[in-house]
Amino acid sequence: MKLKACVAESISALNVCYTATMDVITIPRRLAGSDDLVVVSRKEYESLKARAVPEFVPTKAEIRALRAAEKRFAKGKFYSLADVKRDLESRR
C-alpha cells in the first residue's frame, strides 16, 4: 500500500497539511487556541449560515435609549416583573 506525500501549503501564514488519499487536516494549536473548534463541510456551513438569526445592530437613537435605561436601572428607577403583573391585573 503506497501513501501519497503530504502536501503543505501556506494559507494566510497558517500551515495546513493534507493528503490526496484521505480527508485529514492538521490545524495549528495557535489557530485552535483554547476555544472549542468545530469543523463542518462547506455545504453544512452554508446551510447553518442561511438559517442564522441576523445580528442586532442598534441605531444611534437605540444606543442612546439603552444608555438612558441603564442609568435609570442603576439608580433603582425601574419596574419589577411583580409591579408590571400587578398593574396589568388591576386593569382587567
N, C-alpha and C. Protein backbone atom coordinates (compact mmCIF):
# COMPACT_ATOMS: atom_id res chain seq x y z
N MET A 1 0.84 -1.17 0.00
CA MET A 1 0.00 0.00 0.00
C MET A 1 0.89 1.24 0.00
N LYS A 2 0.73 2.10 -0.99
CA LYS A 2 1.53 3.32 -1.10
C LYS A 2 0.77 4.50 -0.53
N LEU A 3 1.45 5.31 0.25
CA LEU A 3 0.86 6.54 0.76
C LEU A 3 1.39 7.71 -0.04
N LYS A 4 0.50 8.60 -0.40
CA LYS A 4 0.94 9.78 -1.14
C LYS A 4 1.56 10.77 -0.16
N ALA A 5 2.49 11.56 -0.64
CA ALA A 5 3.20 12.52 0.21
C ALA A 5 2.26 13.60 0.70
N CYS A 6 2.54 14.05 1.88
CA CYS A 6 1.76 15.13 2.49
C CYS A 6 2.12 16.44 1.81
N VAL A 7 1.12 17.18 1.41
CA VAL A 7 1.34 18.45 0.73
C VAL A 7 1.06 19.57 1.72
N ALA A 8 2.01 20.43 1.92
CA ALA A 8 1.83 21.56 2.84
C ALA A 8 1.75 22.84 2.03
N GLU A 9 0.82 23.66 2.35
CA GLU A 9 0.73 24.95 1.69
C GLU A 9 0.46 26.01 2.75
N SER A 10 0.84 27.22 2.45
CA SER A 10 0.66 28.30 3.40
C SER A 10 -0.56 29.11 3.00
N ILE A 11 -1.53 29.16 3.90
CA ILE A 11 -2.74 29.94 3.66
C ILE A 11 -2.79 30.99 4.76
N SER A 12 -2.65 32.23 4.38
CA SER A 12 -2.65 33.33 5.34
C SER A 12 -1.69 33.06 6.50
N ALA A 13 -0.52 32.63 6.20
CA ALA A 13 0.54 32.36 7.18
C ALA A 13 0.20 31.20 8.12
N LEU A 14 -0.76 30.35 7.75
CA LEU A 14 -1.08 29.16 8.54
C LEU A 14 -0.62 27.95 7.73
N ASN A 15 0.05 27.04 8.37
CA ASN A 15 0.48 25.84 7.68
C ASN A 15 -0.62 24.80 7.76
N VAL A 16 -1.11 24.37 6.61
CA VAL A 16 -2.16 23.38 6.53
C VAL A 16 -1.59 22.18 5.79
N CYS A 17 -1.78 20.99 6.36
CA CYS A 17 -1.26 19.79 5.76
C CYS A 17 -2.42 18.85 5.43
N TYR A 18 -2.44 18.34 4.20
CA TYR A 18 -3.48 17.38 3.83
C TYR A 18 -2.90 16.36 2.88
N THR A 19 -3.58 15.24 2.76
CA THR A 19 -3.13 14.20 1.82
C THR A 19 -4.17 14.05 0.73
N ALA A 20 -3.74 13.54 -0.40
CA ALA A 20 -4.65 13.35 -1.52
C ALA A 20 -5.49 12.09 -1.34
N THR A 21 -5.12 11.20 -0.43
CA THR A 21 -5.84 9.95 -0.28
C THR A 21 -6.86 9.95 0.85
N MET A 22 -6.79 10.92 1.75
CA MET A 22 -7.75 10.96 2.84
C MET A 22 -8.02 12.40 3.25
N ASP A 23 -9.15 12.62 3.90
CA ASP A 23 -9.52 13.95 4.33
C ASP A 23 -9.00 14.20 5.74
N VAL A 24 -7.73 14.59 5.85
CA VAL A 24 -7.12 14.87 7.13
C VAL A 24 -6.49 16.25 7.05
N ILE A 25 -6.78 17.06 8.03
CA ILE A 25 -6.21 18.41 8.08
C ILE A 25 -5.55 18.57 9.45
N THR A 26 -4.35 19.11 9.47
CA THR A 26 -3.67 19.42 10.72
C THR A 26 -3.85 20.91 10.98
N ILE A 27 -4.47 21.23 12.11
CA ILE A 27 -4.74 22.63 12.45
C ILE A 27 -3.76 23.05 13.54
N PRO A 28 -2.98 24.10 13.30
CA PRO A 28 -2.01 24.55 14.30
C PRO A 28 -2.68 24.92 15.62
N ARG A 29 -2.01 24.67 16.74
CA ARG A 29 -2.57 24.98 18.06
C ARG A 29 -2.90 26.46 18.21
N ARG A 30 -2.08 27.33 17.61
CA ARG A 30 -2.34 28.76 17.77
C ARG A 30 -3.64 29.17 17.10
N LEU A 31 -4.08 28.42 16.09
CA LEU A 31 -5.35 28.71 15.44
C LEU A 31 -6.51 28.20 16.30
N ALA A 32 -6.39 27.00 16.81
CA ALA A 32 -7.44 26.41 17.64
C ALA A 32 -7.52 27.10 18.98
N GLY A 33 -6.37 27.49 19.53
CA GLY A 33 -6.34 28.18 20.81
C GLY A 33 -6.97 27.34 21.91
N SER A 34 -7.55 28.02 22.89
CA SER A 34 -8.17 27.30 23.99
C SER A 34 -9.67 27.14 23.78
N ASP A 35 -10.21 27.76 22.72
CA ASP A 35 -11.64 27.66 22.44
C ASP A 35 -11.95 26.34 21.76
N ASP A 36 -13.25 26.00 21.77
CA ASP A 36 -13.67 24.81 21.03
C ASP A 36 -13.55 25.09 19.55
N LEU A 37 -13.23 24.08 18.80
CA LEU A 37 -13.09 24.21 17.36
C LEU A 37 -14.02 23.22 16.71
N VAL A 38 -14.83 23.68 15.76
CA VAL A 38 -15.77 22.82 15.08
C VAL A 38 -15.46 22.85 13.59
N VAL A 39 -15.39 21.68 12.98
CA VAL A 39 -15.12 21.58 11.56
C VAL A 39 -16.34 20.96 10.89
N VAL A 40 -16.88 21.67 9.91
CA VAL A 40 -18.03 21.17 9.16
C VAL A 40 -17.75 21.37 7.67
N SER A 41 -18.47 20.64 6.86
CA SER A 41 -18.31 20.78 5.42
C SER A 41 -18.83 22.15 4.98
N ARG A 42 -18.40 22.59 3.82
CA ARG A 42 -18.86 23.89 3.31
C ARG A 42 -20.37 23.88 3.12
N LYS A 43 -20.92 22.76 2.65
CA LYS A 43 -22.36 22.65 2.43
C LYS A 43 -23.11 22.84 3.75
N GLU A 44 -22.64 22.18 4.81
CA GLU A 44 -23.27 22.31 6.13
C GLU A 44 -23.11 23.74 6.66
N TYR A 45 -21.93 24.32 6.46
CA TYR A 45 -21.68 25.70 6.90
C TYR A 45 -22.63 26.67 6.22
N GLU A 46 -22.79 26.54 4.91
CA GLU A 46 -23.68 27.43 4.17
C GLU A 46 -25.12 27.25 4.63
N SER A 47 -25.51 26.01 4.95
CA SER A 47 -26.86 25.75 5.44
C SER A 47 -27.08 26.42 6.80
N LEU A 48 -26.10 26.28 7.70
CA LEU A 48 -26.20 26.92 9.01
C LEU A 48 -26.22 28.44 8.89
N LYS A 49 -25.40 28.96 8.00
CA LYS A 49 -25.31 30.40 7.80
C LYS A 49 -26.63 30.96 7.27
N ALA A 50 -27.28 30.22 6.38
CA ALA A 50 -28.54 30.67 5.80
C ALA A 50 -29.65 30.71 6.85
N ARG A 51 -29.58 29.82 7.85
CA ARG A 51 -30.62 29.77 8.89
C ARG A 51 -30.30 30.63 10.10
N ALA A 52 -29.15 31.26 10.12
CA ALA A 52 -28.73 32.03 11.28
C ALA A 52 -29.61 33.27 11.47
N VAL A 53 -29.78 33.66 12.71
CA VAL A 53 -30.52 34.87 13.03
C VAL A 53 -29.59 36.05 12.82
N PRO A 54 -30.05 37.09 12.13
CA PRO A 54 -29.16 38.23 11.89
C PRO A 54 -28.77 38.92 13.20
N GLU A 55 -27.59 39.47 13.20
CA GLU A 55 -27.08 40.16 14.38
C GLU A 55 -27.83 41.48 14.57
N PHE A 56 -28.15 41.81 15.81
CA PHE A 56 -28.82 43.06 16.13
C PHE A 56 -27.80 44.19 16.13
N VAL A 57 -28.02 45.18 15.27
CA VAL A 57 -27.14 46.34 15.22
C VAL A 57 -28.02 47.56 15.52
N PRO A 58 -27.90 48.10 16.74
CA PRO A 58 -28.78 49.20 17.12
C PRO A 58 -28.43 50.50 16.40
N THR A 59 -29.46 51.33 16.20
CA THR A 59 -29.24 52.66 15.62
C THR A 59 -28.68 53.56 16.72
N LYS A 60 -28.28 54.77 16.34
CA LYS A 60 -27.76 55.72 17.33
C LYS A 60 -28.83 56.06 18.36
N ALA A 61 -30.06 56.21 17.91
CA ALA A 61 -31.16 56.53 18.84
C ALA A 61 -31.39 55.37 19.81
N GLU A 62 -31.31 54.14 19.33
CA GLU A 62 -31.48 52.98 20.20
C GLU A 62 -30.35 52.87 21.21
N ILE A 63 -29.13 53.20 20.80
CA ILE A 63 -27.99 53.18 21.72
C ILE A 63 -28.20 54.21 22.82
N ARG A 64 -28.67 55.43 22.46
CA ARG A 64 -28.94 56.46 23.46
C ARG A 64 -30.02 55.99 24.43
N ALA A 65 -31.08 55.37 23.89
CA ALA A 65 -32.17 54.89 24.75
C ALA A 65 -31.69 53.79 25.69
N LEU A 66 -30.83 52.89 25.18
CA LEU A 66 -30.29 51.82 26.03
C LEU A 66 -29.42 52.40 27.15
N ARG A 67 -28.61 53.38 26.83
CA ARG A 67 -27.75 54.01 27.86
C ARG A 67 -28.60 54.71 28.92
N ALA A 68 -29.65 55.40 28.47
CA ALA A 68 -30.54 56.07 29.43
C ALA A 68 -31.23 55.05 30.33
N ALA A 69 -31.65 53.92 29.74
CA ALA A 69 -32.30 52.87 30.53
C ALA A 69 -31.32 52.27 31.54
N GLU A 70 -30.06 52.09 31.14
CA GLU A 70 -29.06 51.55 32.07
C GLU A 70 -28.84 52.51 33.24
N LYS A 71 -28.84 53.81 32.97
CA LYS A 71 -28.67 54.80 34.04
C LYS A 71 -29.85 54.75 35.00
N ARG A 72 -31.08 54.68 34.45
CA ARG A 72 -32.27 54.60 35.31
C ARG A 72 -32.23 53.32 36.15
N PHE A 73 -31.80 52.23 35.55
CA PHE A 73 -31.71 50.96 36.27
C PHE A 73 -30.70 51.06 37.41
N ALA A 74 -29.55 51.68 37.14
CA ALA A 74 -28.51 51.82 38.15
C ALA A 74 -28.99 52.67 39.33
N LYS A 75 -29.89 53.61 39.06
CA LYS A 75 -30.45 54.46 40.12
C LYS A 75 -31.62 53.78 40.83
N GLY A 76 -32.00 52.61 40.38
CA GLY A 76 -33.12 51.90 41.00
C GLY A 76 -34.47 52.32 40.48
N LYS A 77 -34.49 53.07 39.40
CA LYS A 77 -35.75 53.55 38.82
C LYS A 77 -36.20 52.58 37.73
N PHE A 78 -36.88 51.53 38.15
CA PHE A 78 -37.40 50.54 37.21
C PHE A 78 -38.58 49.84 37.84
N TYR A 79 -39.34 49.13 37.02
CA TYR A 79 -40.48 48.34 37.49
C TYR A 79 -40.08 46.88 37.54
N SER A 80 -40.41 46.22 38.62
CA SER A 80 -40.14 44.79 38.70
C SER A 80 -41.22 44.04 37.94
N LEU A 81 -40.99 42.78 37.67
CA LEU A 81 -41.99 41.97 37.00
C LEU A 81 -43.26 41.90 37.83
N ALA A 82 -43.11 41.81 39.14
CA ALA A 82 -44.28 41.78 40.03
C ALA A 82 -45.09 43.07 39.90
N ASP A 83 -44.40 44.23 39.79
CA ASP A 83 -45.09 45.51 39.61
C ASP A 83 -45.89 45.52 38.31
N VAL A 84 -45.30 45.04 37.25
CA VAL A 84 -45.96 45.02 35.94
C VAL A 84 -47.16 44.09 35.98
N LYS A 85 -46.99 42.90 36.56
CA LYS A 85 -48.11 41.96 36.66
C LYS A 85 -49.26 42.54 37.47
N ARG A 86 -48.93 43.18 38.59
CA ARG A 86 -49.95 43.79 39.46
C ARG A 86 -50.69 44.89 38.70
N ASP A 87 -49.95 45.71 37.95
CA ASP A 87 -50.56 46.79 37.17
C ASP A 87 -51.49 46.22 36.09
N LEU A 88 -51.04 45.17 35.42
CA LEU A 88 -51.88 44.56 34.37
C LEU A 88 -53.14 43.93 34.95
N GLU A 89 -52.99 43.29 36.09
CA GLU A 89 -54.15 42.67 36.74
C GLU A 89 -55.17 43.72 37.15
N SER A 90 -54.70 44.88 37.61
CA SER A 90 -55.63 45.93 38.07
C SER A 90 -56.39 46.55 36.90
N ARG A 91 -55.91 46.40 35.69
CA ARG A 91 -56.57 46.97 34.51
C ARG A 91 -57.66 46.07 33.95
N ARG A 92 -57.78 44.87 34.45
CA ARG A 92 -58.79 43.94 33.92
C ARG A 92 -60.16 44.26 34.37
